[in-house]
Amino acid sequence: MLIPRSKGEMENLRCRNFTLS
């Protein structure tokens, strides 16, 4: 799992993870 650098990236990763799941 990659660690996001900013809040925006964290939300983007969450959205991507949800879409991938």
N, C-alpha and C. Protein backbone atom coordinates (compact mmCIF):
# COMPACT_ATOMS: atom_id res chain seq x y z
N MET A 1 0.85 -1.20 0.00
CA MET A 1 0.00 0.00 0.00
C MET A 1 0.88 1.25 0.00
N LEU A 2 0.62 2.13 -0.94
CA LEU A 2 1.42 3.35 -1.02
C LEU A 2 0.89 4.41 -0.06
N ILE A 3 1.78 5.19 0.50
CA ILE A 3 1.36 6.25 1.42
C ILE A 3 1.18 7.56 0.66
N PRO A 4 -0.02 8.13 0.72
CA PRO A 4 -0.28 9.39 0.02
C PRO A 4 0.49 10.56 0.62
N ARG A 5 0.84 11.51 -0.20
CA ARG A 5 1.60 12.67 0.30
C ARG A 5 0.65 13.77 0.77
N SER A 6 -0.50 13.88 0.12
CA SER A 6 -1.45 14.93 0.51
C SER A 6 -2.84 14.34 0.69
N LYS A 7 -3.74 15.12 1.28
CA LYS A 7 -5.11 14.64 1.51
C LYS A 7 -5.78 14.32 0.17
N GLY A 8 -5.54 15.15 -0.82
CA GLY A 8 -6.16 14.94 -2.15
C GLY A 8 -5.74 13.59 -2.69
N GLU A 9 -4.47 13.26 -2.54
CA GLU A 9 -3.99 11.96 -3.07
C GLU A 9 -4.62 10.82 -2.28
N MET A 10 -4.78 11.03 -0.97
CA MET A 10 -5.37 9.99 -0.14
C MET A 10 -6.79 9.70 -0.61
N GLU A 11 -7.56 10.75 -0.87
CA GLU A 11 -8.94 10.56 -1.32
C GLU A 11 -8.94 9.88 -2.69
N ASN A 12 -8.00 10.27 -3.53
CA ASN A 12 -7.92 9.69 -4.87
C ASN A 12 -7.61 8.20 -4.76
N LEU A 13 -6.69 7.85 -3.89
CA LEU A 13 -6.34 6.43 -3.72
C LEU A 13 -7.54 5.66 -3.19
N ARG A 14 -8.28 6.29 -2.28
CA ARG A 14 -9.45 5.62 -1.71
C ARG A 14 -10.46 5.35 -2.83
N CYS A 15 -10.68 6.35 -3.65
CA CYS A 15 -11.64 6.19 -4.76
C CYS A 15 -11.15 5.08 -5.69
N ARG A 16 -9.88 5.06 -5.99
CA ARG A 16 -9.32 4.04 -6.89
C ARG A 16 -9.46 2.66 -6.27
N ASN A 17 -9.14 2.57 -4.99
CA ASN A 17 -9.22 1.28 -4.30
C ASN A 17 -10.67 0.78 -4.35
N PHE A 18 -11.60 1.68 -4.12
CA PHE A 18 -13.02 1.29 -4.12
C PHE A 18 -13.42 0.80 -5.51
N THR A 19 -12.91 1.48 -6.53
CA THR A 19 -13.25 1.08 -7.91
C THR A 19 -12.60 -0.25 -8.26
N LEU A 20 -11.38 -0.46 -7.76
CA LEU A 20 -10.67 -1.71 -8.08
C LEU A 20 -11.30 -2.89 -7.36
N SER A 21 -11.75 -2.64 -6.11
CA SER A 21 -12.32 -3.75 -5.33
C SER A 21 -13.54 -4.32 -6.04
